[in-house]
């Protein structure tokens, strides 16, 4: 497995489909997020197949995660945990001091992964939690 930056013409169809499957939203919503992103870091397996990605925006020194998704065939194999550290180091290198993102309250697996990596709950909303990590 390795990380690389998004190649829009090559990747977007697959990236949109991954997120549509996961989040049950219209493809145009995902495409709009991808097009408005500061960056999209793609996780590929050893056969160069897209396993997942992180779509984010950076404003000053704050990175806001819009989408994190992983293909279902890779879920539960420790992949996110093993590559989250690499991603965090990459964004620190871009001058990021704070990472924020929303997670559904009932997504216990995601919450456990992010808490393990030092994210804390910054704000509680009705169905979602705002998570934050400071460097």
Protein backbone atom coordinates (compact mmCIF):
# COMPACT_ATOMS: atom_id res chain seq x y z
CA UNK A 1 0.00 0.00 0.00
CA UNK A 2 1.12 3.52 -0.71
CA UNK A 3 -0.21 7.10 -0.76
CA UNK A 4 -0.25 9.43 -3.75
CA UNK A 5 -1.99 12.59 -4.86
CA UNK A 6 -5.21 12.47 -6.90
CA UNK A 7 -5.06 12.34 -10.69
CA UNK A 8 -8.47 13.88 -11.53
CA UNK A 9 -8.98 12.55 -15.05
CA UNK A 10 -7.80 9.09 -14.08
CA UNK A 11 -9.21 8.78 -10.54
CA UNK A 12 -12.41 10.77 -10.17
CA UNK A 13 -14.89 8.22 -11.49
CA UNK A 14 -13.66 5.65 -8.98
CA UNK A 15 -13.32 8.16 -6.12
CA UNK A 16 -16.88 9.37 -6.65
CA UNK A 17 -18.23 5.81 -6.74
CA UNK A 18 -16.43 4.87 -3.51
CA UNK A 19 -17.96 7.79 -1.64
CA UNK A 20 -21.42 7.39 -3.18
CA UNK A 21 -21.46 3.75 -2.06
CA UNK A 22 -20.32 4.68 1.45
CA UNK A 23 -22.37 7.81 2.09
CA UNK A 24 -25.44 7.24 -0.15
CA UNK A 25 -25.37 10.71 -1.73
CA UNK A 26 -25.66 11.95 -5.28
CA UNK A 27 -22.41 11.74 -7.33
CA UNK A 28 -22.49 15.48 -8.04
CA UNK A 29 -22.07 16.20 -4.32
CA UNK A 30 -18.90 14.13 -4.15
CA UNK A 31 -17.53 15.58 -7.40
CA UNK A 32 -18.10 19.10 -6.05
CA UNK A 33 -16.12 18.23 -2.90
CA UNK A 34 -13.29 16.79 -4.99
CA UNK A 35 -13.21 19.83 -7.29
CA UNK A 36 -13.15 22.26 -4.34
CA UNK A 37 -10.49 20.40 -2.38
CA UNK A 38 -7.07 21.72 -1.52
CA UNK A 39 -5.85 18.16 -1.76
CA UNK A 40 -6.94 14.58 -2.22
CA UNK A 41 -4.60 11.89 -0.95
CA UNK A 42 -5.29 8.51 -2.52
CA UNK A 43 -4.42 5.17 -0.91
CA UNK A 44 -3.50 2.48 -3.44
CA UNK A 45 -2.82 -1.21 -2.98
CA UNK A 46 0.25 -2.97 -4.34
CA UNK A 47 -1.55 -3.60 -7.65
CA UNK A 48 -2.15 0.17 -8.03
CA UNK A 49 -5.90 -0.17 -7.31
CA UNK A 50 -7.52 2.64 -5.32
CA UNK A 51 -8.28 1.41 -1.81
CA UNK A 52 -9.54 4.72 -0.38
CA UNK A 53 -8.86 8.41 -0.03
CA UNK A 54 -8.90 11.55 2.07
CA UNK A 55 -10.34 14.75 0.56
CA UNK A 56 -9.55 17.96 2.44
CA UNK A 57 -9.38 21.74 2.41
CA UNK A 58 -6.71 23.87 4.08
CA UNK A 59 -7.47 27.39 5.31
CA UNK A 60 -4.51 29.09 6.92
CA UNK A 61 -3.15 26.42 9.26
CA UNK A 62 -6.38 24.43 9.64
CA UNK A 63 -7.08 21.34 7.57
CA UNK A 64 -10.74 20.31 7.34
CA UNK A 65 -11.41 16.75 6.18
CA UNK A 66 -14.43 16.56 3.87
CA UNK A 67 -14.29 12.87 2.93
CA UNK A 68 -12.50 9.83 4.27
CA UNK A 69 -13.50 6.56 2.68
CA UNK A 70 -12.09 3.08 2.25
CA UNK A 71 -13.25 0.40 -0.17
CA UNK A 72 -15.23 -2.21 1.78
CA UNK A 73 -12.84 -5.01 0.79
CA UNK A 74 -10.13 -3.30 2.87
CA UNK A 75 -12.21 -2.47 5.96
CA UNK A 76 -11.12 -4.06 9.23
CA UNK A 77 -7.59 -4.87 8.10
CA UNK A 78 -5.80 -2.06 9.96
CA UNK A 79 -5.11 -0.15 6.77
CA UNK A 80 -6.45 3.22 7.92
CA UNK A 81 -4.52 3.05 11.16
CA UNK A 82 -1.28 2.19 9.42
CA UNK A 83 -1.51 5.05 6.91
CA UNK A 84 -3.06 7.75 9.05
CA UNK A 85 0.32 8.47 10.61
CA UNK A 86 1.92 8.94 7.20
CA UNK A 87 -0.89 11.27 6.13
CA UNK A 88 -0.59 13.30 9.35
CA UNK A 89 3.15 13.75 8.78
CA UNK A 90 2.54 14.86 5.20
CA UNK A 91 0.06 17.56 6.20
CA UNK A 92 2.26 18.77 9.05
CA UNK A 93 4.88 19.34 6.38
CA UNK A 94 2.39 21.66 4.63
CA UNK A 95 2.21 23.89 7.71
CA UNK A 96 -1.01 22.46 9.13
CA UNK A 97 -1.39 23.01 12.87
CA UNK A 98 -4.97 21.74 13.35
CA UNK A 99 -7.00 19.00 11.64
CA UNK A 100 -10.78 18.96 11.95
CA UNK A 101 -13.50 16.73 10.59
CA UNK A 102 -17.02 15.54 11.22
CA UNK A 103 -17.79 11.94 12.14
CA UNK A 104 -21.20 10.39 12.60
CA UNK A 105 -21.89 9.82 16.27
CA UNK A 106 -22.70 6.14 15.78
CA UNK A 107 -19.54 5.36 13.77
CA UNK A 108 -17.75 3.71 16.69
CA UNK A 109 -14.96 2.24 14.54
CA UNK A 110 -13.98 5.62 13.06
CA UNK A 111 -14.14 7.28 16.47
CA UNK A 112 -11.85 4.64 17.96
CA UNK A 113 -9.30 5.05 15.15
CA UNK A 114 -9.25 8.85 15.40
CA UNK A 115 -9.08 8.85 19.21
CA UNK A 116 -6.15 6.43 19.01
CA UNK A 117 -4.35 8.99 16.81
CA UNK A 118 -4.92 11.82 19.30
CA UNK A 119 -8.12 13.40 17.96
CA UNK A 120 -10.50 14.79 20.56
CA UNK A 121 -14.16 15.72 20.41
CA UNK A 122 -14.32 19.48 19.93
CA UNK A 123 -18.11 19.85 19.58
CA UNK A 124 -21.16 17.59 19.73
CA UNK A 125 -23.95 18.10 17.23
CA UNK A 126 -27.20 16.19 16.96
CA UNK A 127 -25.91 13.31 14.79
CA UNK A 128 -22.25 14.20 14.31
CA UNK A 129 -19.13 15.02 16.28
CA UNK A 130 -16.50 17.58 15.34
CA UNK A 131 -13.12 15.96 15.93
CA UNK A 132 -9.89 17.89 16.20
CA UNK A 133 -6.18 17.19 16.43
CA UNK A 134 -3.61 19.86 17.20
CA UNK A 135 0.09 19.52 16.42
